Amino acid sequence: MRAVRTRTAAPLQAAGAVAGGPGTGLDLFLLAVAVSGISLSAPLIAATAAPALAIAFWRNAMAVGVLTPLALVRHRAGLRAMGRRNVLLAAAAGALLALHFALWLPSLHMTSVASSTALVTTTPIWTTLLLRLRGRSSPALVWAGTAVAFAGVVILTGVDLSLSPRALAGDALALGGGMAAAGYVLLGAEVRRTVSTTAYTYVCYTTTSVLLLAACLVFGADLDGYSGETWIKLAVLTATAQLLGHSLLNRVVRGLGPSVTSTAILLETPGAALIAALWLGQNPPAAVYGALAVILLGLALVVRGNAGSARAART
């Protein structure tokens, strides 16, 4: 009888990890650090004198350079044990991350920043829809929390839609970037069920780097000739937004699940505004504080909804 309970518990635990369990206090703390890291992305990119695609390439390539000794020395066994399926899924996640960067960054120059930001942050909506298509129904509280959190982004950014062909194309690119990010989070959650953060992240970032390098070569983005200050900013961007940001998101997605993780990413928008105020001396709009409160409320609803779902699954 004990063996039967053990065999049935494992699938339930795995399902909870993917659909979104309550996580731990450490997961929530690391999630806060990750959001702080990715919130530095926009201010740093704005202050870095390099093409957008090149910035996306270098932040991933530098991260791969940092991870290589760790992955090949301390996590070699984990890389070998990944298996063909997990390697392919991690590579697919890397391809979606590259697509996210390649679609979203050009959209910032084609449509308004407000529209681009609002549309690319539809990620948690697509995450919840994709989970539903995979047969994992989300509680009503998760849907409500997702809607509330996205409303917080709209409060801050607005949606300044234009009917010009160029602006509409930019809106479409930003929306596609949000969809790609949802796929990236979901695939990461699937791989992280059985694969370590370092092994998954290494394969993912390597794939992203290769594809972004190809994009830079195709579109003629300059990859060198930068000033020393620009290289320093690229290194800081890698350390904060990539290694502390995306890598910690890959760490916590196993315990918190894709719904919570993707919803928390919405905090990047008010976070970037507050960081820009402190670092660049830009006065944040008054709406940033209200938007922050609304997004946190939505995130709390998603966390509570997923926690309730996980408890129901265990019983």
C-alpha atoms as a PDB file:
ATOM      1  CA  MET A   1       0.000   0.000   0.000  1.00  0.00           C
ATOM      2  CA  ARG A   2       2.905   2.326   0.762  1.00  0.00           C
ATOM      3  CA  ALA A   3       4.375   1.705  -2.705  1.00  0.00           C
ATOM      4  CA  VAL A   4       1.071   2.604  -4.359  1.00  0.00           C
ATOM      5  CA  ARG A   5       0.945   5.914  -2.504  1.00  0.00           C
ATOM      6  CA  THR A   6       4.512   6.687  -3.539  1.00  0.00           C
ATOM      7  CA  ARG A   7       3.872   6.024  -7.217  1.00  0.00           C
ATOM      8  CA  THR A   8       0.728   8.150  -7.297  1.00  0.00           C
ATOM      9  CA  ALA A   9       2.281  11.035  -5.387  1.00  0.00           C
ATOM     10  CA  ALA A  10       5.042  11.642  -7.943  1.00  0.00           C
ATOM     11  CA  PRO A  11       2.753  12.556 -10.861  1.00  0.00           C
ATOM     12  CA  LEU A  12       0.767  14.860  -8.610  1.00  0.00           C
ATOM     13  CA  GLN A  13       3.938  16.620  -7.509  1.00  0.00           C
ATOM     14  CA  ALA A  14       5.101  16.972 -11.101  1.00  0.00           C
ATOM     15  CA  ALA A  15       1.730  18.334 -12.185  1.00  0.00           C
ATOM     16  CA  GLY A  16       1.818  20.833  -9.352  1.00  0.00           C
ATOM     17  CA  ALA A  17       5.263  21.992 -10.406  1.00  0.00           C
ATOM     18  CA  VAL A  18       4.091  22.723 -13.937  1.00  0.00           C
ATOM     19  CA  ALA A  19       0.615  24.054 -13.244  1.00  0.00           C
ATOM     20  CA  GLY A  20       1.830  26.178 -10.345  1.00  0.00           C
ATOM     21  CA  GLY A  21       2.124  25.221  -6.719  1.00  0.00           C
ATOM     22  CA  PRO A  22       2.465  27.453  -3.681  1.00  0.00           C
ATOM     23  CA  GLY A  23       6.246  27.424  -3.916  1.00  0.00           C
ATOM     24  CA  THR A  24       8.368  28.376  -0.892  1.00  0.00           C
ATOM     25  CA  GLY A  25       9.402  31.538   0.862  1.00  0.00           C
ATOM     26  CA  LEU A  26      12.775  31.210  -0.865  1.00  0.00           C
ATOM     27  CA  ASP A  27      11.065  30.979  -4.261  1.00  0.00           C
ATOM     28  CA  LEU A  28       9.170  34.207  -3.604  1.00  0.00           C
ATOM     29  CA  PHE A  29      12.316  35.972  -2.430  1.00  0.00           C
ATOM     30  CA  LEU A  30      14.250  34.839  -5.516  1.00  0.00           C
ATOM     31  CA  LEU A  31      11.300  35.912  -7.672  1.00  0.00           C
ATOM     32  CA  ALA A  32      11.561  39.411  -6.188  1.00  0.00           C
ATOM     33  CA  VAL A  33      15.301  39.465  -6.952  1.00  0.00           C
ATOM     34  CA  ALA A  34      14.615  38.258 -10.499  1.00  0.00           C
ATOM     35  CA  VAL A  35      12.010  40.969 -11.113  1.00  0.00           C
ATOM     36  CA  SER A  36      14.458  43.571  -9.783  1.00  0.00           C
ATOM     37  CA  GLY A  37      17.050  42.255 -12.226  1.00  0.00           C
ATOM     38  CA  ILE A  38      14.835  42.363 -15.310  1.00  0.00           C
ATOM     39  CA  SER A  39      13.533  45.786 -14.263  1.00  0.00           C
ATOM     40  CA  LEU A  40      17.042  47.101 -14.910  1.00  0.00           C
ATOM     41  CA  SER A  41      16.804  45.902 -18.510  1.00  0.00           C
ATOM     42  CA  ALA A  42      14.932  48.828 -20.085  1.00  0.00           C
ATOM     43  CA  PRO A  43      16.936  51.622 -18.369  1.00  0.00           C
ATOM     44  CA  LEU A  44      20.224  49.897 -19.210  1.00  0.00           C
ATOM     45  CA  ILE A  45      19.228  49.266 -22.835  1.00  0.00           C
ATOM     46  CA  ALA A  46      18.134  52.893 -23.165  1.00  0.00           C
ATOM     47  CA  ALA A  47      21.528  54.025 -21.859  1.00  0.00           C
ATOM     48  CA  THR A  48      23.590  51.612 -24.001  1.00  0.00           C
ATOM     49  CA  ALA A  49      24.895  52.882 -27.347  1.00  0.00           C
ATOM     50  CA  ALA A  50      24.524  49.679 -29.381  1.00  0.00           C
ATOM     51  CA  PRO A  51      21.926  48.189 -31.753  1.00  0.00           C
ATOM     52  CA  ALA A  52      19.009  46.502 -29.981  1.00  0.00           C
ATOM     53  CA  LEU A  53      19.627  43.090 -31.570  1.00  0.00           C
ATOM     54  CA  ALA A  54      23.311  43.292 -30.693  1.00  0.00           C
ATOM     55  CA  ILE A  55      22.448  44.094 -27.077  1.00  0.00           C
ATOM     56  CA  ALA A  56      20.140  41.064 -26.961  1.00  0.00           C
ATOM     57  CA  PHE A  57      22.907  38.882 -28.432  1.00  0.00           C
ATOM     58  CA  TRP A  58      25.657  40.064 -26.112  1.00  0.00           C
ATOM     59  CA  ARG A  59      23.603  39.730 -22.926  1.00  0.00           C
ATOM     60  CA  ASN A  60      22.964  36.076 -23.790  1.00  0.00           C
ATOM     61  CA  ALA A  61      26.439  35.344 -25.163  1.00  0.00           C
ATOM     62  CA  MET A  62      28.133  36.845 -22.103  1.00  0.00           C
ATOM     63  CA  ALA A  63      25.842  34.813 -19.862  1.00  0.00           C
ATOM     64  CA  VAL A  64      26.867  31.657 -21.736  1.00  0.00           C
ATOM     65  CA  GLY A  65      30.520  32.612 -21.200  1.00  0.00           C
ATOM     66  CA  VAL A  66      29.936  32.913 -17.452  1.00  0.00           C
ATOM     67  CA  LEU A  67      27.948  29.670 -17.256  1.00  0.00           C
ATOM     68  CA  THR A  68      30.285  27.538 -19.398  1.00  0.00           C
ATOM     69  CA  PRO A  69      32.869  26.674 -16.682  1.00  0.00           C
ATOM     70  CA  LEU A  70      30.104  25.989 -14.159  1.00  0.00           C
ATOM     71  CA  ALA A  71      28.060  23.881 -16.587  1.00  0.00           C
ATOM     72  CA  LEU A  72      30.946  21.853 -18.004  1.00  0.00           C
ATOM     73  CA  VAL A  73      32.753  21.253 -14.702  1.00  0.00           C
ATOM     74  CA  ARG A  74      30.186  21.068 -11.903  1.00  0.00           C
ATOM     75  CA  HIS A  75      27.067  20.198 -13.928  1.00  0.00           C
ATOM     76  CA  ARG A  76      28.514  17.961 -16.642  1.00  0.00           C
ATOM     77  CA  ALA A  77      26.640  14.938 -15.317  1.00  0.00           C
ATOM     78  CA  GLY A  78      23.401  16.912 -15.325  1.00  0.00           C
ATOM     79  CA  LEU A  79      23.936  17.951 -18.947  1.00  0.00           C
ATOM     80  CA  ARG A  80      24.587  14.362 -19.987  1.00  0.00           C
ATOM     81  CA  ALA A  81      21.516  13.146 -18.107  1.00  0.00           C
ATOM     82  CA  MET A  82      19.138  15.634 -19.724  1.00  0.00           C
ATOM     83  CA  GLY A  83      18.100  13.244 -22.473  1.00  0.00           C
ATOM     84  CA  ARG A  84      17.160  14.052 -26.049  1.00  0.00           C
ATOM     85  CA  ARG A  85      13.648  15.267 -25.209  1.00  0.00           C
ATOM     86  CA  ASN A  86      14.755  17.762 -22.566  1.00  0.00           C
ATOM     87  CA  VAL A  87      17.603  19.048 -24.723  1.00  0.00           C
ATOM     88  CA  LEU A  88      15.177  19.668 -27.585  1.00  0.00           C
ATOM     89  CA  LEU A  89      12.668  21.374 -25.275  1.00  0.00           C
ATOM     90  CA  ALA A  90      15.397  23.574 -23.750  1.00  0.00           C
ATOM     91  CA  ALA A  91      16.604  24.485 -27.243  1.00  0.00           C
ATOM     92  CA  ALA A  92      13.017  25.293 -28.246  1.00  0.00           C
ATOM     93  CA  ALA A  93      12.716  27.544 -25.183  1.00  0.00           C
ATOM     94  CA  GLY A  94      15.923  29.275 -26.270  1.00  0.00           C
ATOM     95  CA  ALA A  95      14.501  29.764 -29.752  1.00  0.00           C
ATOM     96  CA  LEU A  96      11.355  31.338 -28.295  1.00  0.00           C
ATOM     97  CA  LEU A  97      13.453  33.611 -26.075  1.00  0.00           C
ATOM     98  CA  ALA A  98      15.415  34.729 -29.149  1.00  0.00           C
ATOM     99  CA  LEU A  99      12.137  35.294 -30.993  1.00  0.00           C
ATOM    100  CA  HIS A 100      10.845  37.353 -28.064  1.00  0.00           C
ATOM    101  CA  PHE A 101      13.866  39.659 -28.247  1.00  0.00           C
ATOM    102  CA  ALA A 102      13.889  39.790 -32.049  1.00  0.00           C
ATOM    103  CA  LEU A 103      10.206  40.760 -32.230  1.00  0.00           C
ATOM    104  CA  TRP A 104       9.868  43.093 -29.277  1.00  0.00           C
ATOM    105  CA  LEU A 105      12.998  45.243 -29.551  1.00  0.00           C
ATOM    106  CA  PRO A 106      12.343  46.372 -33.163  1.00  0.00           C
ATOM    107  CA  SER A 107       8.708  47.092 -32.264  1.00  0.00           C
ATOM    108  CA  LEU A 108       9.873  49.855 -29.919  1.00  0.00           C
ATOM    109  CA  HIS A 109      11.033  51.812 -32.977  1.00  0.00           C
ATOM    110  CA  MET A 110       7.890  51.155 -35.031  1.00  0.00           C
ATOM    111  CA  THR A 111       5.071  51.918 -32.622  1.00  0.00           C
ATOM    112  CA  SER A 112       4.744  53.901 -29.413  1.00  0.00           C
ATOM    113  CA  VAL A 113       6.628  52.640 -26.374  1.00  0.00           C
ATOM    114  CA  ALA A 114       3.304  52.580 -24.491  1.00  0.00           C
ATOM    115  CA  SER A 115       1.648  50.283 -27.020  1.00  0.00           C
ATOM    116  CA  SER A 116       4.707  48.067 -27.365  1.00  0.00           C
ATOM    117  CA  THR A 117       5.054  47.650 -23.604  1.00  0.00           C
ATOM    118  CA  ALA A 118       1.362  46.962 -23.036  1.00  0.00           C
ATOM    119  CA  LEU A 119       1.164  44.395 -25.846  1.00  0.00           C
ATOM    120  CA  VAL A 120       4.374  42.526 -25.012  1.00  0.00           C
ATOM    121  CA  THR A 121       3.214  42.163 -21.408  1.00  0.00           C
ATOM    122  CA  THR A 122       0.225  40.079 -22.479  1.00  0.00           C
ATOM    123  CA  THR A 123       2.510  37.110 -21.646  1.00  0.00           C
ATOM    124  CA  PRO A 124       0.520  35.833 -18.617  1.00  0.00           C
ATOM    125  CA  ILE A 125      -2.692  35.856 -20.672  1.00  0.00           C
ATOM    126  CA  TRP A 126      -1.119  33.619 -23.321  1.00  0.00           C
ATOM    127  CA  THR A 127       0.460  31.466 -20.598  1.00  0.00           C
ATOM    128  CA  THR A 128      -2.933  30.792 -19.020  1.00  0.00           C
ATOM    129  CA  LEU A 129      -4.522  30.114 -22.423  1.00  0.00           C
ATOM    130  CA  LEU A 130      -1.744  27.712 -23.424  1.00  0.00           C
ATOM    131  CA  LEU A 131      -2.108  25.855 -20.130  1.00  0.00           C
ATOM    132  CA  ARG A 132      -5.829  25.535 -20.862  1.00  0.00           C
ATOM    133  CA  LEU A 133      -5.110  24.161 -24.347  1.00  0.00           C
ATOM    134  CA  ARG A 134      -2.804  21.585 -22.747  1.00  0.00           C
ATOM    135  CA  GLY A 135      -5.713  20.400 -20.603  1.00  0.00           C
ATOM    136  CA  ARG A 136      -4.714  22.150 -17.382  1.00  0.00           C
ATOM    137  CA  SER A 137      -7.675  24.305 -16.410  1.00  0.00           C
ATOM    138  CA  SER A 138      -6.763  27.329 -14.308  1.00  0.00           C
ATOM    139  CA  PRO A 139      -8.922  28.381 -11.334  1.00  0.00           C
ATOM    140  CA  ALA A 140     -11.168  31.408 -11.792  1.00  0.00           C
ATOM    141  CA  LEU A 141      -8.978  33.264  -9.297  1.00  0.00           C
ATOM    142  CA  VAL A 142      -5.965  32.843 -11.612  1.00  0.00           C
ATOM    143  CA  TRP A 143      -7.895  34.281 -14.567  1.00  0.00           C
ATOM    144  CA  ALA A 144      -9.089  37.175 -12.398  1.00  0.00           C
ATOM    145  CA  GLY A 145      -5.610  37.851 -11.059  1.00  0.00           C
ATOM    146  CA  THR A 146      -4.124  37.798 -14.562  1.00  0.00           C
ATOM    147  CA  ALA A 147      -6.704  40.327 -15.748  1.00  0.00           C
ATOM    148  CA  VAL A 148      -6.133  42.580 -12.726  1.00  0.00           C
ATOM    149  CA  ALA A 149      -2.335  42.481 -13.134  1.00  0.00           C
ATOM    150  CA  PHE A 150      -2.548  43.288 -16.848  1.00  0.00           C
ATOM    151  CA  ALA A 151      -4.918  46.156 -16.041  1.00  0.00           C
ATOM    152  CA  GLY A 152      -2.165  47.546 -13.820  1.00  0.00           C
ATOM    153  CA  VAL A 153       0.204  47.648 -16.797  1.00  0.00           C
ATOM    154  CA  VAL A 154      -2.430  49.386 -18.932  1.00  0.00           C
ATOM    155  CA  ILE A 155      -2.973  51.958 -16.143  1.00  0.00           C
ATOM    156  CA  LEU A 156       0.716  52.832 -16.334  1.00  0.00           C
ATOM    157  CA  THR A 157       1.410  52.580 -20.056  1.00  0.00           C
ATOM    158  CA  GLY A 158      -1.948  53.041 -21.745  1.00  0.00           C
ATOM    159  CA  VAL A 159      -2.510  51.654 -25.236  1.00  0.00           C
ATOM    160  CA  ASP A 160      -1.771  54.308 -27.815  1.00  0.00           C
ATOM    161  CA  LEU A 161      -2.900  52.424 -30.914  1.00  0.00           C
ATOM    162  CA  SER A 162      -2.260  54.016 -34.298  1.00  0.00           C
ATOM    163  CA  LEU A 163      -3.742  53.022 -37.644  1.00  0.00           C
ATOM    164  CA  SER A 164      -0.580  53.664 -39.653  1.00  0.00           C
ATOM    165  CA  PRO A 165       0.784  50.491 -41.321  1.00  0.00           C
ATOM    166  CA  ARG A 166       4.155  50.878 -39.587  1.00  0.00           C
ATOM    167  CA  ALA A 167       2.610  51.297 -36.138  1.00  0.00           C
ATOM    168  CA  LEU A 168       0.241  48.356 -36.660  1.00  0.00           C
ATOM    169  CA  ALA A 169       3.199  46.206 -37.731  1.00  0.00           C
ATOM    170  CA  GLY A 170       5.039  47.259 -34.575  1.00  0.00           C
ATOM    171  CA  ASP A 171       1.979  46.395 -32.462  1.00  0.00           C
ATOM    172  CA  ALA A 172       1.851  42.961 -34.093  1.00  0.00           C
ATOM    173  CA  LEU A 173       5.554  42.393 -33.383  1.00  0.00           C
ATOM    174  CA  ALA A 174       5.107  43.339 -29.716  1.00  0.00           C
ATOM    175  CA  LEU A 175       2.110  41.005 -29.407  1.00  0.00           C
ATOM    176  CA  GLY A 176       4.138  38.217 -31.000  1.00  0.00           C
ATOM    177  CA  GLY A 177       6.929  38.935 -28.516  1.00  0.00           C
ATOM    178  CA  GLY A 178       4.483  38.435 -25.648  1.00  0.00           C
ATOM    179  CA  MET A 179       3.316  35.122 -27.115  1.00  0.00           C
ATOM    180  CA  ALA A 180       6.895  33.922 -27.587  1.00  0.00           C
ATOM    181  CA  ALA A 181       7.688  34.776 -23.962  1.00  0.00           C
ATOM    182  CA  ALA A 182       4.710  32.688 -22.808  1.00  0.00           C
ATOM    183  CA  GLY A 183       6.008  29.674 -24.722  1.00  0.00           C
ATOM    184  CA  TYR A 184       9.481  30.241 -23.259  1.00  0.00           C
ATOM    185  CA  VAL A 185       8.119  30.210 -19.694  1.00  0.00           C
ATOM    186  CA  LEU A 186       5.970  27.114 -20.274  1.00  0.00           C
ATOM    187  CA  LEU A 187       8.756  25.086 -21.886  1.00  0.00           C
ATOM    188  CA  GLY A 188      11.104  26.125 -19.102  1.00  0.00           C
ATOM    189  CA  ALA A 189       8.626  24.888 -16.505  1.00  0.00           C
ATOM    190  CA  GLU A 190       8.365  21.549 -18.309  1.00  0.00           C
ATOM    191  CA  VAL A 191      12.133  21.014 -18.548  1.00  0.00           C
ATOM    192  CA  ARG A 192      12.773  22.197 -14.994  1.00  0.00           C
ATOM    193  CA  ARG A 193      10.627  19.359 -13.642  1.00  0.00           C
ATOM    194  CA  THR A 194      13.640  17.047 -13.985  1.00  0.00           C
ATOM    195  CA  VAL A 195      16.586  19.228 -15.065  1.00  0.00           C
ATOM    196  CA  SER A 196      18.722  21.564 -12.948  1.00  0.00           C
ATOM    197  CA  THR A 197      18.577  25.313 -13.443  1.00  0.00           C
ATOM    198  CA  THR A 198      22.174  25.494 -14.675  1.00  0.00           C
ATOM    199  CA  ALA A 199      21.840  22.696 -17.236  1.00  0.00           C
ATOM    200  CA  TYR A 200      18.569  24.059 -18.627  1.00  0.00           C
ATOM    201  CA  THR A 201      19.726  27.669 -18.660  1.00  0.00           C
ATOM    202  CA  TYR A 202      22.997  26.770 -20.394  1.00  0.00           C
ATOM    203  CA  VAL A 203      21.282  24.976 -23.267  1.00  0.00           C
ATOM    204  CA  CYS A 204      18.587  27.655 -23.498  1.00  0.00           C
ATOM    205  CA  TYR A 205      20.934  30.662 -23.547  1.00  0.00           C
ATOM    206  CA  THR A 206      23.331  28.965 -25.964  1.00  0.00           C
ATOM    207  CA  THR A 207      20.496  28.438 -28.435  1.00  0.00           C
ATOM    208  CA  THR A 208      19.310  32.025 -27.959  1.00  0.00           C
ATOM    209  CA  SER A 209      22.821  33.364 -28.552  1.00  0.00           C
ATOM    210  CA  VAL A 210      23.336  31.405 -31.770  1.00  0.00           C
ATOM    211  CA  LEU A 211      19.998  32.492 -33.225  1.00  0.00           C
ATOM    212  CA  LEU A 212      20.458  36.142 -32.241  1.00  0.00           C
ATOM    213  CA  LEU A 213      23.952  36.097 -33.747  1.00  0.00           C
ATOM    214  CA  ALA A 214      22.428  34.895 -37.008  1.00  0.00           C
ATOM    215  CA  ALA A 215      19.806  37.668 -36.805  1.00  0.00           C
ATOM    216  CA  CYS A 216      22.507  40.294 -36.216  1.00  0.00           C
ATOM    217  CA  LEU A 217      24.446  39.073 -39.259  1.00  0.00           C
ATOM    218  CA  VAL A 218      21.339  39.001 -41.455  1.00  0.00           C
ATOM    219  CA  PHE A 219      20.164  42.481 -40.467  1.00  0.00           C
ATOM    220  CA  GLY A 220      23.635  44.020 -40.331  1.00  0.00           C
ATOM    221  CA  ALA A 221      23.682  44.927 -36.624  1.00  0.00           C
ATOM    222  CA  ASP A 222      27.174  46.016 -35.552  1.00  0.00           C
ATOM    223  CA  LEU A 223      28.594  43.603 -32.984  1.00  0.00           C
ATOM    224  CA  ASP A 224      31.763  45.514 -32.056  1.00  0.00           C
ATOM    225  CA  GLY A 225      33.412  48.923 -32.211  1.00  0.00           C
ATOM    226  CA  TYR A 226      31.741  50.037 -28.981  1.00  0.00           C
ATOM    227  CA  SER A 227      33.244  52.314 -26.354  1.00  0.00           C
ATOM    228  CA  GLY A 228      34.540  50.947 -23.060  1.00  0.00           C
ATOM    229  CA  GLU A 229      31.530  52.453 -21.296  1.00  0.00           C
ATOM    230  CA  THR A 230      29.174  50.528 -23.594  1.00  0.00           C
ATOM    231  CA  TRP A 231      30.944  47.231 -22.872  1.00  0.00           C
ATOM    232  CA  ILE A 232      30.665  47.912 -19.138  1.00  0.00           C
ATOM    233  CA  LYS A 233      26.926  48.543 -19.493  1.00  0.00           C
ATOM    234  CA  LEU A 234      26.558  45.313 -21.484  1.00  0.00           C
ATOM    235  CA  ALA A 235      28.364  43.443 -18.705  1.00  0.00           C
ATOM    236  CA  VAL A 236      26.099  44.998 -16.053  1.00  0.00           C
ATOM    237  CA  LEU A 237      23.040  44.149 -18.166  1.00  0.00           C
ATOM    238  CA  THR A 238      24.217  40.546 -18.388  1.00  0.00           C
ATOM    239  CA  ALA A 239      24.824  40.276 -14.655  1.00  0.00           C
ATOM    240  CA  THR A 240      21.520  41.847 -13.634  1.00  0.00           C
ATOM    241  CA  ALA A 241      18.823  41.315 -16.267  1.00  0.00           C
ATOM    242  CA  GLN A 242      20.152  38.012 -17.637  1.00  0.00           C
ATOM    243  CA  LEU A 243      21.945  36.097 -14.877  1.00  0.00           C
ATOM    244  CA  LEU A 244      19.993  37.458 -11.895  1.00  0.00           C
ATOM    245  CA  GLY A 245      16.798  38.118 -13.859  1.00  0.00           C
ATOM    246  CA  HIS A 246      16.040  35.409 -16.398  1.00  0.00           C
ATOM    247  CA  SER A 247      18.157  32.750 -14.699  1.00  0.00           C
ATOM    248  CA  LEU A 248      16.366  33.151 -11.371  1.00  0.00           C
ATOM    249  CA  LEU A 249      13.023  33.074 -13.194  1.00  0.00           C
ATOM    250  CA  ASN A 250      14.148  29.716 -14.595  1.00  0.00           C
ATOM    251  CA  ARG A 251      15.008  28.685 -11.042  1.00  0.00           C
ATOM    252  CA  VAL A 252      11.658  29.555  -9.431  1.00  0.00           C
ATOM    253  CA  VAL A 253       9.339  28.470 -12.259  1.00  0.00           C
ATOM    254  CA  ARG A 254       9.606  24.873 -11.032  1.00  0.00           C
ATOM    255  CA  GLY A 255       8.093  25.689  -7.636  1.00  0.00           C
ATOM    256  CA  LEU A 256       5.859  28.648  -8.447  1.00  0.00           C
ATOM    257  CA  GLY A 257       4.660  27.493 -11.867  1.00  0.00           C
ATOM    258  CA  PRO A 258       4.370  29.370 -15.173  1.00  0.00           C
ATOM    259  CA  SER A 259       1.228  31.362 -14.266  1.00  0.00           C
ATOM    260  CA  VAL A 260       2.759  33.000 -11.204  1.00  0.00           C
ATOM    261  CA  THR A 261       6.140  33.497 -12.879  1.00  0.00           C
ATOM    262  CA  SER A 262       4.746  35.110 -16.031  1.00  0.00           C
ATOM    263  CA  THR A 263       2.392  37.342 -14.016  1.00  0.00           C
ATOM    264  CA  ALA A 264       5.257  38.532 -11.815  1.00  0.00           C
ATOM    265  CA  ILE A 265       7.131  39.631 -14.940  1.00  0.00           C
ATOM    266  CA  LEU A 266       4.519  42.401 -15.282  1.00  0.00           C
ATOM    267  CA  LEU A 267       6.202  44.080 -12.305  1.00  0.00           C
ATOM    268  CA  GLU A 268       9.079  44.890 -14.669  1.00  0.00           C
ATOM    269  CA  THR A 269       7.081  47.833 -16.081  1.00  0.00           C
ATOM    270  CA  PRO A 270       6.632  49.881 -12.864  1.00  0.00           C
ATOM    271  CA  GLY A 271       9.979  48.566 -11.612  1.00  0.00           C
ATOM    272  CA  ALA A 272      11.775  49.995 -14.640  1.00  0.00           C
ATOM    273  CA  ALA A 273      10.016  53.342 -14.138  1.00  0.00           C
ATOM    274  CA  LEU A 274      11.127  53.532 -10.509  1.00  0.00           C
ATOM    275  CA  ILE A 275      14.710  52.529 -11.353  1.00  0.00           C
ATOM    276  CA  ALA A 276      14.825  55.115 -14.131  1.00  0.00           C
ATOM    277  CA  ALA A 277      13.690  57.710 -11.594  1.00  0.00           C
ATOM    278  CA  LEU A 278      16.485  56.805  -9.177  1.00  0.00           C
ATOM    279  CA  TRP A 279      19.230  56.225 -11.753  1.00  0.00           C
ATOM    280  CA  LEU A 280      18.437  58.515 -14.684  1.00  0.00           C
ATOM    281  CA  GLY A 281      16.693  61.233 -12.691  1.00  0.00           C
ATOM    282  CA  GLN A 282      13.423  60.768 -14.568  1.00  0.00           C
ATOM    283  CA  ASN A 283      10.348  61.642 -12.528  1.00  0.00           C
ATOM    284  CA  PRO A 284       8.018  58.626 -12.581  1.00  0.00           C
ATOM    285  CA  PRO A 285       4.390  59.340 -13.458  1.00  0.00           C
ATOM    286  CA  ALA A 286       2.016  59.361 -10.516  1.00  0.00           C
ATOM    287  CA  ALA A 287       0.270  56.334 -12.017  1.00  0.00           C
ATOM    288  CA  VAL A 288       3.324  54.141 -11.380  1.00  0.00           C
ATOM    289  CA  TYR A 289       2.452  53.692  -7.698  1.00  0.00           C
ATOM    290  CA  GLY A 290      -1.171  52.832  -8.392  1.00  0.00           C
ATOM    291  CA  ALA A 291      -0.117  50.467 -11.184  1.00  0.00           C
ATOM    292  CA  LEU A 292       2.379  48.759  -8.869  1.00  0.00           C
ATOM    293  CA  ALA A 293      -0.338  48.194  -6.267  1.00  0.00           C
ATOM    294  CA  VAL A 294      -2.769  46.812  -8.875  1.00  0.00           C
ATOM    295  CA  ILE A 295      -0.178  44.428 -10.351  1.00  0.00           C
ATOM    296  CA  LEU A 296       0.774  43.190  -6.872  1.00  0.00           C
ATOM    297  CA  LEU A 297      -2.915  42.591  -6.126  1.00  0.00           C
ATOM    298  CA  GLY A 298      -3.290  40.610  -9.343  1.00  0.00           C
ATOM    299  CA  LEU A 299      -0.148  38.597  -8.563  1.00  0.00           C
ATOM    300  CA  ALA A 300      -1.469  37.829  -5.073  1.00  0.00           C
ATOM    301  CA  LEU A 301      -4.717  36.514  -6.598  1.00  0.00           C
ATOM    302  CA  VAL A 302      -2.778  34.287  -9.035  1.00  0.00           C
ATOM    303  CA  VAL A 303      -0.592  32.925  -6.215  1.00  0.00           C
ATOM    304  CA  ARG A 304      -3.655  32.246  -4.064  1.00  0.00           C
ATOM    305  CA  GLY A 305      -5.529  30.607  -6.931  1.00  0.00           C
ATOM    306  CA  ASN A 306      -2.604  28.323  -7.769  1.00  0.00           C
ATOM    307  CA  ALA A 307      -2.063  27.457  -4.106  1.00  0.00           C
ATOM    308  CA  GLY A 308      -5.707  26.440  -3.789  1.00  0.00           C
ATOM    309  CA  SER A 309      -5.469  24.352  -6.952  1.00  0.00           C
ATOM    310  CA  ALA A 310      -2.337  22.596  -5.653  1.00  0.00           C
ATOM    311  CA  ARG A 311      -4.024  21.789  -2.330  1.00  0.00           C
ATOM    312  CA  ALA A 312      -7.019  20.368  -4.157  1.00  0.00           C
ATOM    313  CA  ALA A 313      -4.739  18.183  -6.314  1.00  0.00           C
ATOM    314  CA  ARG A 314      -3.005  16.767  -3.249  1.00  0.00           C
ATOM    315  CA  THR A 315      -6.333  15.791  -1.678  1.00  0.00           C
END
